[in-house]
C-alpha atoms as a PDB file:
ATOM      1  CA  MET A   1     156.887 104.037 121.664  1.00  0.00           C
ATOM      2  CA  THR A   2     160.204 102.322 120.984  1.00  0.00           C
ATOM      3  CA  LEU A   3     162.413 103.842 118.292  1.00  0.00           C
ATOM      4  CA  LEU A   4     165.379 102.105 116.705  1.00  0.00           C
ATOM      5  CA  GLU A   5     167.634 104.321 114.599  1.00  0.00           C
ATOM      6  CA  VAL A   6     170.206 102.961 112.154  1.00  0.00           C
ATOM      7  CA  LYS A   7     172.496 105.894 111.392  1.00  0.00           C
ATOM      8  CA  ASN A   8     175.056 105.915 108.573  1.00  0.00           C
ATOM      9  CA  ILE A   9     176.039 102.277 109.040  1.00  0.00           C
ATOM     10  CA  THR A  10     178.969 100.983 107.000  1.00  0.00           C
ATOM     11  CA  LYS A  11     180.308  97.449 107.289  1.00  0.00           C
ATOM     12  CA  VAL A  12     183.616  96.404 105.695  1.00  0.00           C
ATOM     13  CA  TYR A  13     184.942  92.842 105.783  1.00  0.00           C
ATOM     14  CA  ASN A  14     188.564  91.880 105.247  1.00  0.00           C
ATOM     15  CA  VAL A  15     188.548  88.979 102.797  1.00  0.00           C
ATOM     16  CA  ARG A  16     191.691  86.877 102.645  1.00  0.00           C
ATOM     17  CA  GLY A  17     193.262  87.145  99.222  1.00  0.00           C
ATOM     18  CA  ALA A  18     190.696  89.660  97.989  1.00  0.00           C
ATOM     19  CA  GLY A  19     191.261  92.725 100.182  1.00  0.00           C
ATOM     20  CA  GLN A  20     188.256  94.551 101.597  1.00  0.00           C
ATOM     21  CA  MET A  21     184.587  94.003 100.793  1.00  0.00           C
ATOM     22  CA  LYS A  22     182.028  96.684 101.665  1.00  0.00           C
ATOM     23  CA  ALA A  23     178.834  94.874 102.687  1.00  0.00           C
ATOM     24  CA  LEU A  24     176.988  98.030 103.792  1.00  0.00           C
ATOM     25  CA  ASP A  25     177.585 101.577 102.649  1.00  0.00           C
ATOM     26  CA  ASP A  26     176.146 104.491 104.675  1.00  0.00           C
ATOM     27  CA  VAL A  27     172.787 102.862 105.484  1.00  0.00           C
ATOM     28  CA  SER A  28     170.255 104.842 107.550  1.00  0.00           C
ATOM     29  CA  PHE A  29     166.626 104.140 108.512  1.00  0.00           C
ATOM     30  CA  THR A  30     164.332 103.987 111.534  1.00  0.00           C
ATOM     31  CA  LEU A  31     162.058 101.305 112.949  1.00  0.00           C
ATOM     32  CA  SER A  32     159.383 102.172 115.486  1.00  0.00           C
ATOM     33  CA  SER A  33     156.877 100.107 117.429  1.00  0.00           C
ATOM     34  CA  GLY A  34     153.609  99.624 115.578  1.00  0.00           C
ATOM     35  CA  ARG A  35     155.229  99.804 112.119  1.00  0.00           C
ATOM     36  CA  THR A  36     156.492  97.212 109.643  1.00  0.00           C
ATOM     37  CA  VAL A  37     159.456  98.096 107.445  1.00  0.00           C
ATOM     38  CA  GLY A  38     160.207  95.809 104.514  1.00  0.00           C
ATOM     39  CA  LEU A  39     163.912  95.463 103.695  1.00  0.00           C
ATOM     40  CA  VAL A  40     164.120  94.118 100.150  1.00  0.00           C
ATOM     41  CA  GLY A  41     167.065  93.000  98.037  1.00  0.00           C
ATOM     42  CA  GLN A  42     168.613  90.031  96.312  1.00  0.00           C
ATOM     43  CA  SER A  43     171.130  87.684  97.933  1.00  0.00           C
ATOM     44  CA  GLY A  44     174.335  89.549  98.756  1.00  0.00           C
ATOM     45  CA  SER A  45     172.643  92.941  98.976  1.00  0.00           C
ATOM     46  CA  GLY A  46     173.480  93.324 102.683  1.00  0.00           C
ATOM     47  CA  LYS A  47     170.093  92.500 104.220  1.00  0.00           C
ATOM     48  CA  SER A  48     171.315  89.822 106.620  1.00  0.00           C
ATOM     49  CA  THR A  49     174.334  91.925 107.602  1.00  0.00           C
ATOM     50  CA  ILE A  50     171.923  94.570 108.859  1.00  0.00           C
ATOM     51  CA  ALA A  51     170.066  91.926 110.876  1.00  0.00           C
ATOM     52  CA  LYS A  52     173.308  90.658 112.425  1.00  0.00           C
ATOM     53  CA  ILE A  53     174.322  94.189 113.411  1.00  0.00           C
ATOM     54  CA  LEU A  54     170.927  94.816 115.016  1.00  0.00           C
ATOM     55  CA  ILE A  55     171.159  91.680 117.165  1.00  0.00           C
ATOM     56  CA  GLN A  56     174.833  92.349 117.948  1.00  0.00           C
ATOM     57  CA  LEU A  57     176.317  89.389 116.100  1.00  0.00           C
ATOM     58  CA  GLU A  58     178.323  91.913 114.073  1.00  0.00           C
ATOM     59  CA  THR A  59     179.606  95.403 114.823  1.00  0.00           C
ATOM     60  CA  PRO A  60     179.563  98.163 112.207  1.00  0.00           C
ATOM     61  CA  THR A  61     182.798  99.539 110.813  1.00  0.00           C
ATOM     62  CA  ASP A  62     181.283 103.012 110.946  1.00  0.00           C
ATOM     63  CA  GLY A  63     178.009 104.563 112.050  1.00  0.00           C
ATOM     64  CA  GLU A  64     175.820 103.647 115.017  1.00  0.00           C
ATOM     65  CA  VAL A  65     172.551 102.085 116.103  1.00  0.00           C
ATOM     66  CA  LEU A  66     170.465 103.901 118.707  1.00  0.00           C
ATOM     67  CA  LEU A  67     167.563 102.595 120.773  1.00  0.00           C
ATOM     68  CA  ASP A  68     165.388 105.414 122.077  1.00  0.00           C
ATOM     69  CA  GLY A  69     168.275 107.798 121.513  1.00  0.00           C
ATOM     70  CA  ALA A  70     170.960 105.757 123.311  1.00  0.00           C
ATOM     71  CA  PRO A  71     173.714 103.647 121.677  1.00  0.00           C
ATOM     72  CA  ILE A  72     173.242  99.878 121.787  1.00  0.00           C
ATOM     73  CA  PRO A  73     175.094  98.541 124.847  1.00  0.00           C
ATOM     74  CA  ARG A  74     178.011  96.224 124.154  1.00  0.00           C
ATOM     75  CA  ARG A  75     178.040  94.005 127.228  1.00  0.00           C
ATOM     76  CA  GLY A  76     176.478  93.031 130.528  1.00  0.00           C
ATOM     77  CA  LYS A  77     172.908  93.437 131.740  1.00  0.00           C
ATOM     78  CA  ALA A  78     172.251  96.404 129.458  1.00  0.00           C
ATOM     79  CA  LEU A  79     172.990  94.266 126.398  1.00  0.00           C
ATOM     80  CA  ARG A  80     170.767  91.452 127.721  1.00  0.00           C
ATOM     81  CA  ASP A  81     167.964  93.969 128.254  1.00  0.00           C
ATOM     82  CA  TYR A  82     168.407  95.226 124.691  1.00  0.00           C
ATOM     83  CA  ARG A  83     168.209  91.694 123.331  1.00  0.00           C
ATOM     84  CA  GLN A  84     164.979  91.168 125.228  1.00  0.00           C
ATOM     85  CA  GLN A  85     163.496  94.202 123.519  1.00  0.00           C
ATOM     86  CA  LEU A  86     164.652  93.201 120.028  1.00  0.00           C
ATOM     87  CA  ARG A  87     164.205  89.574 119.029  1.00  0.00           C
ATOM     88  CA  MET A  88     164.851  87.728 115.785  1.00  0.00           C
ATOM     89  CA  VAL A  89     162.994  85.086 113.783  1.00  0.00           C
ATOM     90  CA  PHE A  90     165.502  83.258 111.603  1.00  0.00           C
ATOM     91  CA  GLN A  91     165.115  82.006 108.058  1.00  0.00           C
ATOM     92  CA  ASP A  92     165.403  78.276 108.741  1.00  0.00           C
ATOM     93  CA  PRO A  93     162.983  77.145 111.474  1.00  0.00           C
ATOM     94  CA  PHE A  94     164.637  73.721 111.751  1.00  0.00           C
ATOM     95  CA  ALA A  95     168.200  74.951 112.119  1.00  0.00           C
ATOM     96  CA  SER A  96     167.174  77.590 114.676  1.00  0.00           C
ATOM     97  CA  LEU A  97     165.569  75.016 117.011  1.00  0.00           C
ATOM     98  CA  ASN A  98     167.664  72.488 118.932  1.00  0.00           C
ATOM     99  CA  PRO A  99     166.589  69.023 117.732  1.00  0.00           C
ATOM    100  CA  TYR A 100     167.370  67.443 121.118  1.00  0.00           C
ATOM    101  CA  HIS A 101     164.944  69.592 123.101  1.00  0.00           C
ATOM    102  CA  SER A 102     161.178  69.652 123.312  1.00  0.00           C
ATOM    103  CA  ILE A 103     159.000  72.536 122.192  1.00  0.00           C
ATOM    104  CA  ARG A 104     158.257  73.184 125.864  1.00  0.00           C
ATOM    105  CA  TYR A 105     161.987  73.659 126.549  1.00  0.00           C
ATOM    106  CA  HIS A 106     162.466  76.067 123.635  1.00  0.00           C
ATOM    107  CA  ILE A 107     159.841  78.447 124.986  1.00  0.00           C
ATOM    108  CA  GLU A 108     160.499  77.910 128.699  1.00  0.00           C
ATOM    109  CA  ARG A 109     164.167  78.821 128.355  1.00  0.00           C
ATOM    110  CA  PRO A 110     163.779  82.511 127.407  1.00  0.00           C
ATOM    111  CA  LEU A 111     161.046  82.853 130.035  1.00  0.00           C
ATOM    112  CA  GLN A 112     163.428  81.529 132.697  1.00  0.00           C
ATOM    113  CA  LEU A 113     166.431  83.561 131.549  1.00  0.00           C
ATOM    114  CA  GLY A 114     164.514  86.781 131.043  1.00  0.00           C
ATOM    115  CA  GLY A 115     162.716  86.679 134.374  1.00  0.00           C
ATOM    116  CA  VAL A 116     159.608  88.198 132.794  1.00  0.00           C
ATOM    117  CA  THR A 117     157.308  85.460 134.130  1.00  0.00           C
ATOM    118  CA  PRO A 118     157.071  84.162 137.740  1.00  0.00           C
ATOM    119  CA  LYS A 119     158.346  80.600 138.059  1.00  0.00           C
ATOM    120  CA  ASP A 120     154.955  79.147 138.988  1.00  0.00           C
ATOM    121  CA  GLU A 121     153.348  80.748 135.922  1.00  0.00           C
ATOM    122  CA  ILE A 122     155.841  79.581 133.289  1.00  0.00           C
ATOM    123  CA  ASP A 123     153.894  76.503 132.160  1.00  0.00           C
ATOM    124  CA  GLY A 124     150.754  78.581 131.640  1.00  0.00           C
ATOM    125  CA  GLU A 125     152.739  81.215 129.728  1.00  0.00           C
ATOM    126  CA  VAL A 126     154.270  78.555 127.443  1.00  0.00           C
ATOM    127  CA  ARG A 127     150.776  77.355 126.596  1.00  0.00           C
ATOM    128  CA  ARG A 128     149.516  80.901 126.071  1.00  0.00           C
ATOM    129  CA  LEU A 129     152.359  81.651 123.668  1.00  0.00           C
ATOM    130  CA  LEU A 130     151.677  78.487 121.674  1.00  0.00           C
ATOM    131  CA  GLU A 131     148.017  79.444 121.426  1.00  0.00           C
ATOM    132  CA  ARG A 132     149.103  82.949 120.439  1.00  0.00           C
ATOM    133  CA  VAL A 133     150.795  81.533 117.322  1.00  0.00           C
ATOM    134  CA  ARG A 134     147.752  79.325 116.602  1.00  0.00           C
ATOM    135  CA  LEU A 135     149.137  76.015 117.756  1.00  0.00           C
ATOM    136  CA  VAL A 136     147.306  73.565 120.038  1.00  0.00           C
ATOM    137  CA  PRO A 137     149.553  73.285 123.127  1.00  0.00           C
ATOM    138  CA  ASP A 138     148.743  69.670 124.000  1.00  0.00           C
ATOM    139  CA  ALA A 139     149.450  68.618 120.413  1.00  0.00           C
ATOM    140  CA  VAL A 140     152.973  70.065 120.223  1.00  0.00           C
ATOM    141  CA  ILE A 141     154.334  70.997 123.647  1.00  0.00           C
ATOM    142  CA  ASP A 142     156.183  67.727 124.339  1.00  0.00           C
ATOM    143  CA  ARG A 143     157.245  67.029 120.777  1.00  0.00           C
ATOM    144  CA  ARG A 144     160.634  67.753 119.253  1.00  0.00           C
ATOM    145  CA  PRO A 145     161.160  70.006 116.219  1.00  0.00           C
ATOM    146  CA  HIS A 146     161.557  67.157 113.701  1.00  0.00           C
ATOM    147  CA  GLU A 147     158.076  65.936 114.625  1.00  0.00           C
ATOM    148  CA  LEU A 148     156.465  69.168 113.415  1.00  0.00           C
ATOM    149  CA  SER A 149     155.861  70.582 109.953  1.00  0.00           C
ATOM    150  CA  GLY A 150     157.952  73.492 108.700  1.00  0.00           C
ATOM    151  CA  GLY A 151     155.095  75.902 109.284  1.00  0.00           C
ATOM    152  CA  GLN A 152     154.612  74.638 112.837  1.00  0.00           C
ATOM    153  CA  ARG A 153     158.340  74.948 113.546  1.00  0.00           C
ATOM    154  CA  GLN A 154     158.342  78.554 112.372  1.00  0.00           C
ATOM    155  CA  ARG A 155     155.346  79.296 114.597  1.00  0.00           C
ATOM    156  CA  VAL A 156     157.282  77.842 117.543  1.00  0.00           C
ATOM    157  CA  ALA A 157     160.228  80.088 116.631  1.00  0.00           C
ATOM    158  CA  ILE A 158     157.888  83.097 116.639  1.00  0.00           C
ATOM    159  CA  ALA A 159     156.442  82.058 120.020  1.00  0.00           C
ATOM    160  CA  ARG A 160     159.988  81.793 121.395  1.00  0.00           C
ATOM    161  CA  ALA A 161     160.788  85.277 120.082  1.00  0.00           C
ATOM    162  CA  LEU A 162     157.678  86.663 121.786  1.00  0.00           C
ATOM    163  CA  ALA A 163     158.550  85.072 125.141  1.00  0.00           C
ATOM    164  CA  SER A 164     160.670  88.019 126.297  1.00  0.00           C
ATOM    165  CA  ARG A 165     157.857  90.443 125.403  1.00  0.00           C
ATOM    166  CA  PRO A 166     159.871  92.376 122.842  1.00  0.00           C
ATOM    167  CA  THR A 167     158.870  95.669 121.291  1.00  0.00           C
ATOM    168  CA  LEU A 168     160.811  95.044 118.062  1.00  0.00           C
ATOM    169  CA  LEU A 169     161.077  91.939 115.887  1.00  0.00           C
ATOM    170  CA  VAL A 170     163.543  91.215 113.080  1.00  0.00           C
ATOM    171  CA  ALA A 171     162.126  88.613 110.690  1.00  0.00           C
ATOM    172  CA  ASP A 172     164.886  87.482 108.311  1.00  0.00           C
ATOM    173  CA  GLU A 173     163.278  85.747 105.301  1.00  0.00           C
ATOM    174  CA  PRO A 174     160.844  84.033 107.724  1.00  0.00           C
ATOM    175  CA  VAL A 175     158.911  82.075 105.077  1.00  0.00           C
ATOM    176  CA  SER A 176     161.476  81.422 102.348  1.00  0.00           C
ATOM    177  CA  MET A 177     162.179  77.881 103.634  1.00  0.00           C
ATOM    178  CA  LEU A 178     158.474  76.967 103.805  1.00  0.00           C
ATOM    179  CA  ASP A 179     156.218  75.410 101.189  1.00  0.00           C
ATOM    180  CA  VAL A 180     154.244  77.993  99.227  1.00  0.00           C
ATOM    181  CA  SER A 181     151.007  76.683 100.763  1.00  0.00           C
ATOM    182  CA  LEU A 182     152.261  77.546 104.265  1.00  0.00           C
ATOM    183  CA  ARG A 183     153.746  80.978 103.645  1.00  0.00           C
ATOM    184  CA  LEU A 184     150.584  83.055 103.690  1.00  0.00           C
ATOM    185  CA  GLY A 185     149.486  81.603 107.024  1.00  0.00           C
ATOM    186  CA  VAL A 186     152.771  82.490 108.727  1.00  0.00           C
ATOM    187  CA  LEU A 187     152.849  85.971 107.181  1.00  0.00           C
ATOM    188  CA  ASN A 188     149.256  86.636 108.239  1.00  0.00           C
ATOM    189  CA  LEU A 189     150.185  85.509 111.749  1.00  0.00           C
ATOM    190  CA  LEU A 190     153.120  87.949 111.836  1.00  0.00           C
ATOM    191  CA  ALA A 191     150.897  90.754 110.565  1.00  0.00           C
ATOM    192  CA  ASP A 192     148.265  90.033 113.237  1.00  0.00           C
ATOM    193  CA  LEU A 193     150.875  89.888 116.005  1.00  0.00           C
ATOM    194  CA  GLN A 194     152.452  93.137 114.808  1.00  0.00           C
ATOM    195  CA  ARG A 195     149.090  94.884 114.931  1.00  0.00           C
ATOM    196  CA  GLU A 196     147.793  93.359 118.170  1.00  0.00           C
ATOM    197  CA  GLU A 197     151.064  93.602 120.133  1.00  0.00           C
ATOM    198  CA  GLY A 198     152.129  96.956 118.669  1.00  0.00           C
ATOM    199  CA  LEU A 199     155.435  95.466 117.531  1.00  0.00           C
ATOM    200  CA  GLY A 200     157.905  97.147 115.265  1.00  0.00           C
ATOM    201  CA  VAL A 201     158.830  94.569 112.599  1.00  0.00           C
ATOM    202  CA  LEU A 202     161.776  94.629 110.210  1.00  0.00           C
ATOM    203  CA  TYR A 203     160.649  92.210 107.502  1.00  0.00           C
ATOM    204  CA  ILE A 204     163.674  91.101 105.470  1.00  0.00           C
ATOM    205  CA  THR A 205     162.849  89.519 102.130  1.00  0.00           C
ATOM    206  CA  HIS A 206     163.722  89.253  98.447  1.00  0.00           C
ATOM    207  CA  ASP A 207     160.007  89.142  97.559  1.00  0.00           C
ATOM    208  CA  LEU A 208     158.464  92.485  96.596  1.00  0.00           C
ATOM    209  CA  ALA A 209     154.979  90.980  96.484  1.00  0.00           C
ATOM    210  CA  THR A 210     154.919  90.056 100.176  1.00  0.00           C
ATOM    211  CA  ALA A 211     156.815  93.215 101.129  1.00  0.00           C
ATOM    212  CA  ARG A 212     154.081  95.362  99.619  1.00  0.00           C
ATOM    213  CA  HIS A 213     151.265  93.504 101.356  1.00  0.00           C
ATOM    214  CA  PHE A 214     152.855  93.301 104.792  1.00  0.00           C
ATOM    215  CA  SER A 215     154.909  96.497 105.120  1.00  0.00           C
ATOM    216  CA  ASP A 216     154.068 100.120 105.814  1.00  0.00           C
ATOM    217  CA  GLU A 217     157.241 101.238 104.080  1.00  0.00           C
ATOM    218  CA  ILE A 218     159.881  99.546 101.941  1.00  0.00           C
ATOM    219  CA  ILE A 219     163.641  99.956 101.754  1.00  0.00           C
ATOM    220  CA  VAL A 220     165.344  98.568  98.647  1.00  0.00           C
ATOM    221  CA  LEU A 221     168.961  97.576  99.169  1.00  0.00           C
ATOM    222  CA  ASN A 222     171.429  96.976  96.325  1.00  0.00           C
ATOM    223  CA  GLN A 223     175.094  96.119  96.885  1.00  0.00           C
ATOM    224  CA  GLY A 224     174.967  97.473 100.412  1.00  0.00           C
ATOM    225  CA  ARG A 225     173.344 100.816  99.554  1.00  0.00           C
ATOM    226  CA  ILE A 226     169.765 102.018  99.923  1.00  0.00           C
ATOM    227  CA  VAL A 227     168.564 102.838  96.406  1.00  0.00           C
ATOM    228  CA  GLU A 228     164.889 103.442  97.233  1.00  0.00           C
ATOM    229  CA  HIS A 229     162.865 104.088 100.395  1.00  0.00           C
ATOM    230  CA  GLY A 230     159.265 105.132 100.826  1.00  0.00           C
ATOM    231  CA  PRO A 231     155.650 104.048 101.472  1.00  0.00           C
ATOM    232  CA  ALA A 232     155.109 100.478 100.271  1.00  0.00           C
ATOM    233  CA  ASP A 233     152.623 101.284  97.514  1.00  0.00           C
ATOM    234  CA  ASP A 234     154.737 104.135  96.173  1.00  0.00           C
ATOM    235  CA  VAL A 235     157.877 101.998  95.956  1.00  0.00           C
ATOM    236  CA  ILE A 236     156.117  99.073  94.280  1.00  0.00           C
ATOM    237  CA  LEU A 237     153.684 100.907  91.992  1.00  0.00           C
ATOM    238  CA  ASP A 238     155.977 103.767  90.974  1.00  0.00           C
ATOM    239  CA  PRO A 239     159.603 102.657  91.446  1.00  0.00           C
ATOM    240  CA  GLN A 240     162.185 105.336  90.727  1.00  0.00           C
ATOM    241  CA  ASP A 241     165.384 103.299  90.709  1.00  0.00           C
ATOM    242  CA  PRO A 242     166.238 100.924  87.825  1.00  0.00           C
ATOM    243  CA  TYR A 243     167.160  98.173  90.300  1.00  0.00           C
ATOM    244  CA  THR A 244     163.725  98.382  91.955  1.00  0.00           C
ATOM    245  CA  ARG A 245     162.096  98.176  88.538  1.00  0.00           C
ATOM    246  CA  GLU A 246     164.142  95.060  87.813  1.00  0.00           C
ATOM    247  CA  LEU A 247     163.052  93.456  91.076  1.00  0.00           C
ATOM    248  CA  ARG A 248     159.438  94.326  90.342  1.00  0.00           C
ATOM    249  CA  ALA A 249     159.628  92.842  86.849  1.00  0.00           C
ATOM    250  CA  ALA A 250     161.118  89.638  88.258  1.00  0.00           C
ATOM    251  CA  SER A 251     158.478  89.287  90.993  1.00  0.00           C
ATOM    252  CA  PRO A 252     155.178  87.462  90.563  1.00  0.00           C
ATOM    253  CA  ASP A 253     152.059  89.569  90.203  1.00  0.00           C
ATOM    254  CA  PRO A 254     151.066  90.339  93.815  1.00  0.00           C
ATOM    255  CA  GLU A 255     147.346  89.659  93.380  1.00  0.00           C
ATOM    256  CA  ALA A 256     147.925  86.361  91.571  1.00  0.00           C
ATOM    257  CA  HIS A 257     150.638  85.460  94.082  1.00  0.00           C
ATOM    258  CA  PHE A 258     148.312  85.796  97.065  1.00  0.00           C
ATOM    259  CA  ALA A 259     145.270  84.342  95.333  1.00  0.00           C
ATOM    260  CA  SER A 260     147.301  81.214  94.551  1.00  0.00           C
ATOM    261  CA  ALA A 261     148.741  81.017  98.079  1.00  0.00           C
ATOM    262  CA  ALA A 262     145.292  81.456  99.652  1.00  0.00           C
ATOM    263  CA  GLY A 263     143.871  78.746  97.415  1.00  0.00           C
ATOM    264  CA  ASN A 264     146.615  76.326  98.417  1.00  0.00           C
ATOM    265  CA  LEU A 265     146.572  77.206 102.106  1.00  0.00           C
ATOM    266  CA  GLY A 266     143.589  75.056 103.064  1.00  0.00           C
ATOM    267  CA  GLY A 267     143.912  73.927 106.643  1.00  0.00           C
ATOM    268  CA  ALA A 268     147.670  73.451 106.585  1.00  0.00           C
ATOM    269  CA  GLN A 269     149.905  74.735 109.329  1.00  0.00           C
END
C-alpha cells in the first residue's frame, strides 16, 4: 500500500504591493492507495495550491510531504520516479493536451519516457489504455484533441495519467469544464478505475454533492485551513463547521443532482 502524508503544510506567497498572502495554513492529511479523499472548498480556498505542492510545481514554506515515510525528492531520477507514482488530471482537458499532437502521441509519450512498457508493446498499450477509459481506439487514436468532445478529451487525459501505472491520482476539478450531461460518466469512470486499479485518489472539487458520492472521506478547506475532516456521509449529513453548512446549503440536492445528470447522460461521451 502506498501512503502519502501531508504534514503541517503552510504556503506563503509574497505579493507585490500587498505583502504576504498565506495560501495554506498548517494543513495535514493522508492519502493511501485504494481510498478516495474529497478536498472541498470554494475558489481561493487553497485546493489547487495543495495539488501543485503534491506534483512539485510549488514548494511549501513550512511542513513536508512524505511518500511511504520518505520526503518527496527534489531532483533527478528519484523525483521522476515519484512523478510516475503520483499523476494529475487537470481541470481543463483541452488546455492540458497539446493541440498539435495526436491522441496516440499523448499516450505514447509517457510510456516512452517512463520505460514501463517494452518498445514493441507500446502501440498495444496505447490501445489498451484507450479502451480502459471507454474509448474506441480506432475512432480516436489518430485524431487531435480539437476533434474530440470535452468528455472524450478528459478520458484521454485520464488514460495519459494511467500510462505510468501510478498508485496515486490527483484529480483537480476534473469535470467542472464539462457539460452537465458528461460529468457523471467521467466521474463514474474515475470511481471504477480507483476501485479496479486500487488507486488512491485526491478528488479536488467545489461540489459537495459529487464529493459525497465519490469520496470515502472529505476535507473541507476554507481560506487555507482545514475546517472539517471526516467520513463523507458524516461531513455532508452532519456538518459541524458553519462554513461546511454554508457550502451544503449552496449545493444542489445530491439525489436530484445525480438523477438529473443520469437522465441527461444518454449515450454521450
